[in-house]
Amino acid sequence: WFILQYMSGFGNEHVSEDPRCPGALPEGQNNPQVCPYGLYAEQLSGSAFTCPRATNKRSWLYRILPSVCHKPFKPLKEGHLTHNWDEVEPDPNQLRWKPFEIPKAPQTKLDFVSGLHTLCGAGEPRGRNGIAIHIFICNTSMINRCLYNSDGDFLIVPQQGKLLITTEFGKMLVEPNEICVIQQGMRFSVEVFGETRGYILEVYGAHFELPDLGPIGANGLANPRDFLVPVAWYEDRQVPGGYTVISKYQGKLFAAEQDFSPFNVVAWHGNYTPYKYHLEKFMVINSVAFDHADPSIFTVLTAKSTRPGVAIADFVIFPPRWGVANNTFRPPYYHRNCMSEFMGLIKGHYEAKEEGFQPGGGSLHSMMTPHGPDADCFEKASKAKLEPERVAEGTMAFMFESSLSMAVTKWGLQTSNSLDKNYYKCWEPLKSHFNPKCK
């Protein structure tokens, strides 16, 4: 009977109840002595109680049984999930990965949790400061098991295959060219429909928010109304064989058994929710005279640090747009940066590296490691006739950018067998055009 429905608005105070139980939300208070339909009231807090109102995040859930009803947590094998950044020596080189291989089912069955592979990161969850970048590769759905992240928020970017995500707040269908955010502590389960792959940016200690617009004004970039939140949906399902609740806690996985589905929330209200966003909705800002605006104009979401203007992590996209700049080298310029830049490709070809950088792969340019267009791109763009042109048509590249210096895992450098050891060669054909007699 269920039809996917959503409510719109970023960070809004939403109210939702499953239509099968009208009036399930208590009126006039959060925690009545007896809740409608005999439900339990449970608050999920995403911020300290004493945070300023503008940053205070919490939701009230009205559920058939509270989430405390489970057996003790026991360690679960993490596989390739880690926050140990000292497995291998640091590597300051430009790094690029070929598309990460998805195992074939039924020979190797991987669901969303067993298919998590940590690629790089910095910091650690106990100190509530840091990030991790994971690749997920899976070929089967999560059955009678769910995950919640005690360490931070997951920003999920599917690249191949769609995800039907069941959460305590309702269901979301997330397809390539969409993203979703599952915030700290929210239980969710992922159903897939074949070979599935994507990227995850995990942030410890901060939540994602919309970037400030400054001189851009009131409108632009990602508009708040285009973010979608699921509506309440519940299942009153007993699982005598055991339902597994997995917690990612201090970088490790733990599993607890219970005999009922955790998706038993009949109604909820609050501003702490999962949400999704379609990248085609992004209102692109660009230079219309000469030179480049900084790529910060492509920021969809940011997780701020305590330093003004410095992000723990930004999620940036490079969508289809018009290029019209006069007397300007239009591709990204050569660059060294005090930030770490991880790039991924959802579809198409990236303008600065049309060969080698493929959908489902990635690249990492670490702090102060130089990067920029390959030799072929430089020669073409230097000689091109400058006229209005569509840039990145049919393409969607993105960047996870961080002020933290990220270390690459052993899986990323060795075990994945996806590292492109010839990446540096794309700049070797660059030649000197210097002529002291010609200005």
Protein backbone atom coordinates (compact mmCIF):
# COMPACT_ATOMS: atom_id res chain seq x y z
CA TRP A 1 0.00 0.00 0.00
CA PHE A 2 2.90 2.34 0.66
CA ILE A 3 3.57 5.23 -1.77
CA LEU A 4 6.81 7.16 -1.37
CA GLN A 5 6.00 10.63 -0.14
CA TYR A 6 8.12 13.47 1.18
CA MET A 7 7.90 16.79 2.98
CA SER A 8 10.08 19.65 1.74
CA GLY A 9 12.39 22.05 3.52
CA PHE A 10 15.89 21.98 4.99
CA GLY A 11 16.02 21.88 8.79
CA ASN A 12 12.30 22.55 9.14
CA GLU A 13 10.13 21.60 12.08
CA HIS A 14 8.16 18.76 10.53
CA VAL A 15 5.24 16.73 11.88
CA SER A 16 4.22 13.37 10.43
CA GLU A 17 2.04 10.43 11.37
CA ASP A 18 1.28 7.22 9.52
CA PRO A 19 -2.25 7.61 8.04
CA ARG A 20 -3.17 4.19 9.42
CA CYS A 21 -3.15 5.74 12.90
CA PRO A 22 -4.66 9.24 12.71
CA GLY A 23 -4.10 11.29 15.83
CA ALA A 24 -0.99 9.35 16.85
CA LEU A 25 0.88 12.59 17.58
CA PRO A 26 0.13 13.88 21.08
CA GLU A 27 -1.40 17.34 21.08
CA GLY A 28 0.00 20.20 23.11
CA GLN A 29 2.89 18.29 24.70
CA ASN A 30 5.71 15.90 23.88
CA ASN A 31 5.54 13.34 26.66
CA PRO A 32 2.00 12.65 27.94
CA GLN A 33 1.42 10.18 30.74
CA VAL A 34 -0.26 7.88 28.20
CA CYS A 35 0.46 8.33 24.49
CA PRO A 36 -2.24 7.77 21.84
CA TYR A 37 -2.57 4.12 20.70
CA GLY A 38 -0.46 3.02 23.69
CA LEU A 39 2.77 4.20 22.02
CA TYR A 40 6.05 5.01 23.74
CA ALA A 41 7.53 8.52 23.50
CA GLU A 42 11.26 8.69 22.74
CA GLN A 43 13.42 11.72 22.00
CA LEU A 44 16.36 11.58 19.58
CA SER A 45 18.75 14.48 20.27
CA GLY A 46 21.23 15.57 17.63
CA SER A 47 22.68 18.43 19.66
CA ALA A 48 23.39 19.33 23.26
CA PHE A 49 20.27 20.36 25.15
CA THR A 50 21.75 23.82 25.70
CA CYS A 51 22.67 24.64 22.09
CA PRO A 52 21.27 27.94 20.79
CA ARG A 53 17.82 27.55 19.29
CA ALA A 54 19.15 27.99 15.75
CA THR A 55 21.38 24.93 16.10
CA ASN A 56 19.29 22.84 18.50
CA LYS A 57 18.30 19.57 16.85
CA ARG A 58 15.89 16.99 18.20
CA SER A 59 12.91 14.89 17.18
CA TRP A 60 10.26 13.09 19.19
CA LEU A 61 9.38 9.58 18.03
CA TYR A 62 6.19 7.74 19.02
CA ARG A 63 6.85 4.03 18.67
CA ILE A 64 5.37 0.64 19.41
CA LEU A 65 8.36 -0.35 21.56
CA PRO A 66 11.28 1.88 22.57
CA SER A 67 14.69 1.33 21.02
CA VAL A 68 16.13 0.33 24.42
CA CYS A 69 14.59 -3.16 24.08
CA HIS A 70 17.52 -5.20 22.79
CA LYS A 71 20.10 -7.72 23.98
CA PRO A 72 23.62 -6.47 24.83
CA PHE A 73 25.86 -5.27 21.99
CA LYS A 74 28.69 -7.57 20.97
CA PRO A 75 31.62 -6.84 18.65
CA LEU A 76 30.99 -7.43 14.95
CA LYS A 77 33.72 -7.91 12.37
CA GLU A 78 34.35 -4.56 10.69
CA GLY A 79 35.76 -5.86 7.43
CA HIS A 80 37.35 -2.87 5.68
CA LEU A 81 35.74 -0.20 7.87
CA THR A 82 38.35 1.64 9.95
CA HIS A 83 39.50 4.90 11.47
CA ASN A 84 43.08 3.70 11.93
CA TRP A 85 45.01 6.25 9.88
CA ASP A 86 48.41 4.74 10.69
CA GLU A 87 48.10 1.42 8.83
CA VAL A 88 50.51 2.60 6.13
CA GLU A 89 52.97 5.45 5.70
CA PRO A 90 51.61 8.85 4.56
CA ASP A 91 51.58 9.42 0.79
CA PRO A 92 51.60 13.03 -0.49
CA ASN A 93 51.33 12.02 -4.15
CA GLN A 94 48.42 12.77 -6.42
CA LEU A 95 46.26 9.67 -6.15
CA ARG A 96 43.63 8.37 -8.52
CA TRP A 97 41.52 5.23 -8.34
CA LYS A 98 39.92 3.28 -11.14
CA PRO A 99 36.26 2.35 -10.59
CA PHE A 100 36.00 0.22 -7.48
CA GLU A 101 34.99 -3.31 -8.42
CA ILE A 102 31.63 -4.63 -7.25
CA PRO A 103 31.75 -8.34 -6.32
CA LYS A 104 29.38 -10.65 -8.16
CA ALA A 105 26.51 -12.29 -6.33
CA PRO A 106 25.94 -15.02 -5.30
CA GLN A 107 29.67 -15.85 -5.10
CA THR A 108 30.28 -12.95 -2.71
CA LYS A 109 27.22 -11.41 -1.08
CA LEU A 110 27.74 -7.94 0.33
CA ASP A 111 25.04 -5.71 1.74
CA PHE A 112 25.46 -2.02 2.55
CA VAL A 113 27.18 -2.63 5.91
CA SER A 114 29.49 -5.46 4.86
CA GLY A 115 30.25 -3.47 1.69
CA LEU A 116 31.64 -0.42 3.53
CA HIS A 117 35.29 0.24 2.69
CA THR A 118 37.16 3.16 4.26
CA LEU A 119 39.35 4.97 1.74
CA CYS A 120 40.80 7.88 3.72
CA GLY A 121 40.15 10.20 6.63
CA ALA A 122 41.48 12.17 9.59
CA GLY A 123 40.70 12.73 13.24
CA GLU A 124 38.78 10.28 15.36
CA PRO A 125 35.26 9.91 16.67
CA ARG A 126 36.04 9.87 20.39
CA GLY A 127 37.29 13.45 20.20
CA ARG A 128 34.25 14.37 18.05
CA ASN A 129 36.41 15.96 15.37
CA GLY A 130 37.25 14.42 12.03
CA ILE A 131 35.98 12.88 8.84
CA ALA A 132 36.15 9.64 6.89
CA ILE A 133 35.51 8.87 3.24
CA HIS A 134 34.09 5.44 2.52
CA ILE A 135 33.26 3.55 -0.67
CA PHE A 136 30.25 1.25 -0.54
CA ILE A 137 30.02 -1.68 -2.93
CA CYS A 138 27.13 -4.10 -2.48
CA ASN A 139 24.94 -6.53 -4.36
CA THR A 140 22.30 -7.63 -1.86
CA SER A 141 19.80 -5.96 0.46
CA MET A 142 20.03 -5.72 4.23
CA ILE A 143 17.61 -8.33 5.60
CA ASN A 144 16.47 -8.13 9.21
CA ARG A 145 19.32 -5.84 10.11
CA CYS A 146 19.83 -2.10 10.36
CA LEU A 147 22.69 0.29 11.06
CA TYR A 148 23.04 3.45 13.10
CA ASN A 149 26.11 5.61 13.33
CA SER A 150 27.02 6.71 16.85
CA ASP A 151 30.09 8.54 15.53
CA GLY A 152 28.62 11.08 13.14
CA ASP A 153 26.62 11.84 10.01
CA PHE A 154 26.67 9.92 6.72
CA LEU A 155 26.35 11.87 3.48
CA ILE A 156 25.63 9.15 0.91
CA VAL A 157 26.27 9.63 -2.83
CA PRO A 158 25.01 6.68 -4.91
CA GLN A 159 26.85 6.26 -8.21
CA GLN A 160 25.45 3.00 -9.60
CA GLY A 161 22.12 1.50 -8.58
CA LYS A 162 19.35 3.02 -6.50
CA LEU A 163 18.94 2.70 -2.74
CA LEU A 164 15.60 2.18 -1.02
CA ILE A 165 16.41 3.37 2.49
CA THR A 166 14.05 2.58 5.35
CA THR A 167 14.57 4.83 8.36
CA GLU A 168 12.81 5.35 11.67
CA PHE A 169 11.25 8.44 10.05
CA GLY A 170 10.02 6.71 6.87
CA LYS A 171 11.31 5.55 3.51
CA MET A 172 13.46 7.32 0.90
CA LEU A 173 14.37 6.22 -2.61
CA VAL A 174 17.79 7.64 -3.49
CA GLU A 175 19.05 7.27 -7.06
CA PRO A 176 22.31 8.28 -8.77
CA ASN A 177 22.45 12.09 -9.10
CA GLU A 178 20.68 12.33 -5.75
CA ILE A 179 22.27 12.40 -2.30
CA CYS A 180 20.94 11.70 1.16
CA VAL A 181 22.10 12.45 4.69
CA ILE A 182 21.49 10.03 7.56
CA GLN A 183 22.34 11.95 10.70
CA GLN A 184 24.00 10.61 13.84
CA GLY A 185 22.03 7.95 15.70
CA MET A 186 19.31 7.36 13.08
CA ARG A 187 18.61 3.70 12.37
CA PHE A 188 18.34 2.74 8.72
CA SER A 189 18.34 -0.28 6.42
CA VAL A 190 19.27 -0.30 2.71
CA GLU A 191 17.56 -2.30 -0.01
CA VAL A 192 19.34 -2.56 -3.38
CA PHE A 193 18.31 -3.86 -6.78
CA GLY A 194 21.50 -5.36 -8.19
CA GLU A 195 25.12 -4.28 -8.26
CA THR A 196 25.36 -0.99 -6.36
CA ARG A 197 28.20 1.42 -5.66
CA GLY A 198 28.72 4.87 -4.22
CA TYR A 199 30.60 7.22 -1.93
CA ILE A 200 30.08 8.30 1.69
CA LEU A 201 31.38 11.35 3.50
CA GLU A 202 31.26 10.80 7.25
CA VAL A 203 31.62 13.76 9.60
CA TYR A 204 32.29 13.46 13.33
CA GLY A 205 31.09 16.17 15.69
CA ALA A 206 29.27 18.50 13.29
CA HIS A 207 26.12 18.38 11.20
CA PHE A 208 25.77 19.39 7.57
CA GLU A 209 24.12 22.72 6.88
CA LEU A 210 23.51 25.00 3.94
CA PRO A 211 26.42 27.38 3.28
CA ASP A 212 26.01 31.08 3.96
CA LEU A 213 25.34 33.00 0.76
CA GLY A 214 26.98 36.34 1.58
CA PRO A 215 26.97 38.73 -1.42
CA ILE A 216 25.06 36.15 -3.49
CA GLY A 217 22.00 37.25 -1.55
CA ALA A 218 18.87 35.43 -0.47
CA ASN A 219 18.65 32.88 -3.30
CA GLY A 220 21.00 30.52 -5.04
CA LEU A 221 23.00 27.31 -4.82
CA ALA A 222 20.91 24.59 -3.10
CA ASN A 223 17.48 25.97 -2.23
CA PRO A 224 16.08 24.83 1.14
CA ARG A 225 12.71 23.84 -0.32
CA ASP A 226 14.33 21.22 -2.58
CA PHE A 227 15.45 19.04 0.34
CA LEU A 228 13.01 16.22 1.00
CA VAL A 229 12.19 14.47 4.29
CA PRO A 230 10.33 11.12 4.44
CA VAL A 231 6.85 10.80 5.93
CA ALA A 232 6.10 8.50 8.86
CA TRP A 233 5.75 4.80 8.08
CA TYR A 234 5.77 1.92 10.53
CA GLU A 235 5.82 -1.85 10.58
CA ASP A 236 4.58 -3.80 13.59
CA ARG A 237 6.65 -6.86 12.75
CA GLN A 238 7.89 -9.54 15.09
CA VAL A 239 11.18 -11.23 14.15
CA PRO A 240 11.43 -14.40 16.25
CA GLY A 241 14.69 -15.39 14.53
CA GLY A 242 16.27 -12.13 15.64
CA TYR A 243 16.58 -8.66 14.18
CA THR A 244 20.16 -7.32 14.25
CA VAL A 245 20.78 -3.70 15.19
CA ILE A 246 24.32 -2.64 14.24
CA SER A 247 26.01 0.32 15.91
CA LYS A 248 29.07 2.03 14.48
CA TYR A 249 30.68 3.17 17.71
CA GLN A 250 34.18 4.64 18.09
CA GLY A 251 35.00 3.44 14.61
CA LYS A 252 34.04 -0.19 15.25
CA LEU A 253 30.88 -2.21 14.64
CA PHE A 254 28.75 -3.81 17.34
CA ALA A 255 25.59 -5.91 16.94
CA ALA A 256 22.62 -6.38 19.25
CA GLU A 257 19.69 -8.72 18.73
CA GLN A 258 16.01 -7.93 19.27
CA ASP A 259 12.82 -9.73 18.31
CA PHE A 260 11.02 -6.90 16.50
CA SER A 261 11.57 -4.43 13.68
CA PRO A 262 13.08 -1.09 14.79
CA PHE A 263 11.01 0.70 12.13
CA ASN A 264 8.03 0.85 14.46
CA VAL A 265 7.64 4.64 14.65
CA VAL A 266 3.97 5.48 14.08
CA ALA A 267 4.40 9.26 14.31
CA TRP A 268 7.14 11.83 14.86
CA HIS A 269 7.82 15.53 14.98
CA GLY A 270 10.99 17.63 15.09
CA ASN A 271 13.83 19.12 13.08
CA TYR A 272 16.35 16.26 13.33
CA THR A 273 15.61 14.02 10.36
CA PRO A 274 17.14 12.17 7.44
CA TYR A 275 16.79 13.98 4.11
CA LYS A 276 17.59 13.73 0.41
CA TYR A 277 18.33 16.17 -2.42
CA HIS A 278 18.46 15.95 -6.22
CA LEU A 279 21.64 17.51 -7.61
CA GLU A 280 19.84 18.78 -10.73
CA LYS A 281 18.01 21.25 -8.46
CA PHE A 282 21.24 23.14 -7.75
CA MET A 283 21.21 26.77 -8.95
CA VAL A 284 24.65 27.26 -10.45
CA ILE A 285 26.51 30.56 -10.01
CA ASN A 286 29.32 31.26 -12.49
CA SER A 287 31.63 33.92 -13.89
CA VAL A 288 30.05 35.97 -16.71
CA ALA A 289 33.01 38.28 -17.43
CA PHE A 290 36.50 36.85 -16.96
CA ASP A 291 38.55 34.54 -14.72
CA HIS A 292 37.24 31.96 -12.27
CA ALA A 293 35.13 32.32 -9.20
CA ASP A 294 36.42 29.98 -6.49
CA PRO A 295 34.86 26.50 -6.50
CA SER A 296 33.22 27.33 -3.17
CA ILE A 297 30.34 28.71 -5.30
CA PHE A 298 29.47 25.07 -6.02
CA THR A 299 29.01 24.10 -2.34
CA VAL A 300 25.82 22.13 -1.67
CA LEU A 301 26.34 21.37 2.04
CA THR A 302 28.99 22.26 4.58
CA ALA A 303 30.00 20.98 8.01
CA LYS A 304 31.57 23.94 9.78
CA SER A 305 34.53 23.88 12.12
CA THR A 306 34.92 26.24 15.08
CA ARG A 307 37.06 28.53 12.90
CA PRO A 308 34.94 31.02 10.94
CA GLY A 309 34.91 30.27 7.23
CA VAL A 310 36.82 26.99 7.59
CA ALA A 311 34.91 23.75 7.04
CA ILE A 312 35.60 20.34 8.47
CA ALA A 313 34.07 19.20 5.20
CA ASP A 314 32.29 20.68 2.19
CA PHE A 315 30.24 18.77 -0.36
CA VAL A 316 30.78 20.47 -3.73
CA ILE A 317 29.41 19.56 -7.17
CA PHE A 318 30.35 20.51 -10.74
CA PRO A 319 27.06 20.37 -12.63
CA PRO A 320 26.21 21.20 -16.25
CA ARG A 321 26.42 24.96 -16.84
CA TRP A 322 27.36 27.64 -19.36
CA GLY A 323 30.96 28.82 -19.76
CA VAL A 324 31.19 32.36 -21.13
CA ALA A 325 34.31 33.91 -19.58
CA ASN A 326 36.32 36.17 -21.92
CA ASN A 327 40.09 35.92 -22.40
CA THR A 328 40.15 33.16 -19.79
CA PHE A 329 41.60 29.68 -19.51
CA ARG A 330 38.29 28.06 -18.70
CA PRO A 331 39.09 24.64 -17.17
CA PRO A 332 40.19 24.54 -13.50
CA TYR A 333 43.54 26.24 -13.08
CA TYR A 334 46.71 24.67 -11.68
CA HIS A 335 46.47 24.79 -7.96
CA ARG A 336 47.99 24.02 -4.57
CA ASN A 337 45.61 24.14 -1.65
CA CYS A 338 45.63 24.17 2.17
CA MET A 339 42.59 21.83 1.95
CA SER A 340 42.35 18.13 1.06
CA GLU A 341 40.32 17.46 -2.08
CA PHE A 342 38.70 14.10 -2.83
CA MET A 343 36.84 13.96 -6.13
CA GLY A 344 34.36 11.39 -7.39
CA LEU A 345 32.42 11.04 -10.62
CA ILE A 346 28.78 9.96 -10.74
CA LYS A 347 28.42 10.00 -14.52
CA GLY A 348 30.00 11.39 -17.70
CA HIS A 349 33.48 12.86 -18.15
CA TYR A 350 35.19 15.45 -15.98
CA GLU A 351 36.23 18.48 -18.03
CA ALA A 352 39.84 18.70 -16.80
CA LYS A 353 40.60 14.98 -17.22
CA GLU A 354 38.45 13.34 -19.85
CA GLU A 355 40.54 10.17 -19.81
CA GLY A 356 41.39 8.07 -16.76
CA PHE A 357 38.97 9.67 -14.29
CA GLN A 358 35.94 7.39 -14.54
CA PRO A 359 32.51 7.06 -12.90
CA GLY A 360 32.82 4.97 -9.75
CA GLY A 361 36.47 5.91 -9.29
CA GLY A 362 38.03 8.83 -7.45
CA SER A 363 41.05 11.03 -6.87
CA LEU A 364 42.72 12.59 -3.85
CA HIS A 365 44.85 15.70 -3.96
CA SER A 366 46.22 16.18 -0.48
CA MET A 367 47.23 19.39 1.25
CA MET A 368 49.59 21.47 -0.89
CA THR A 369 49.97 18.70 -3.47
CA PRO A 370 49.78 20.41 -6.89
CA HIS A 371 47.07 19.42 -9.33
CA GLY A 372 45.23 20.70 -12.37
CA PRO A 373 44.32 19.91 -15.99
CA ASP A 374 46.15 17.18 -17.83
CA ALA A 375 48.37 18.06 -20.79
CA ASP A 376 45.73 17.37 -23.43
CA CYS A 377 43.16 19.55 -21.67
CA PHE A 378 45.67 22.41 -21.30
CA GLU A 379 46.61 22.41 -24.99
CA LYS A 380 42.99 22.28 -26.16
CA ALA A 381 41.76 24.99 -23.80
CA SER A 382 44.68 27.30 -24.59
CA LYS A 383 43.83 27.27 -28.29
CA ALA A 384 40.03 27.02 -28.16
CA LYS A 385 37.84 29.67 -29.75
CA LEU A 386 36.16 31.45 -26.84
CA GLU A 387 32.42 31.43 -27.34
CA PRO A 388 29.53 30.48 -25.08
CA GLU A 389 29.64 26.73 -24.49
CA ARG A 390 27.89 24.16 -22.38
CA VAL A 391 30.28 22.74 -19.79
CA ALA A 392 29.92 19.30 -18.22
CA GLU A 393 26.76 18.40 -20.15
CA GLY A 394 25.66 14.88 -19.16
CA THR A 395 28.20 14.86 -16.34
CA MET A 396 28.18 15.11 -12.55
CA ALA A 397 31.47 15.27 -10.70
CA PHE A 398 31.69 16.15 -7.01
CA MET A 399 34.26 16.95 -4.37
CA PHE A 400 34.57 16.20 -0.67
CA GLU A 401 36.84 19.02 0.53
CA SER A 402 38.26 19.19 4.05
CA SER A 403 40.51 21.40 6.14
CA LEU A 404 41.91 18.20 7.67
CA SER A 405 44.98 16.42 6.30
CA MET A 406 43.65 12.99 5.34
CA ALA A 407 45.51 9.69 5.49
CA VAL A 408 44.77 6.90 3.02
CA THR A 409 44.02 3.40 4.33
CA LYS A 410 45.80 0.20 3.43
CA TRP A 411 42.66 -0.84 1.54
CA GLY A 412 42.83 2.33 -0.52
CA LEU A 413 46.51 2.04 -1.36
CA GLN A 414 46.85 -1.72 -1.69
CA THR A 415 43.99 -4.11 -1.00
CA SER A 416 41.40 -2.50 -3.30
CA ASN A 417 43.73 -3.04 -6.25
CA SER A 418 42.16 0.05 -7.82
CA LEU A 419 44.95 2.61 -7.46
CA ASP A 420 46.05 4.03 -10.81
CA LYS A 421 49.83 3.99 -10.54
CA ASN A 422 50.19 5.89 -13.82
CA TYR A 423 48.19 8.94 -12.76
CA TYR A 424 51.25 11.21 -12.59
CA LYS A 425 51.93 10.57 -16.28
CA CYS A 426 48.96 12.70 -17.38
CA TRP A 427 51.06 15.82 -16.63
CA GLU A 428 54.37 14.58 -18.09
CA PRO A 429 53.62 15.81 -21.66
CA LEU A 430 53.24 19.41 -20.41
CA LYS A 431 55.96 21.44 -22.16
CA SER A 432 57.42 24.89 -21.75
CA HIS A 433 55.95 27.62 -23.95
CA PHE A 434 58.24 30.27 -22.48
CA ASN A 435 59.74 32.75 -24.96
CA PRO A 436 61.57 35.72 -23.43
CA LYS A 437 61.38 37.57 -26.77
CA CYS A 438 57.61 37.32 -27.10
CA LYS A 439 55.35 38.93 -24.50
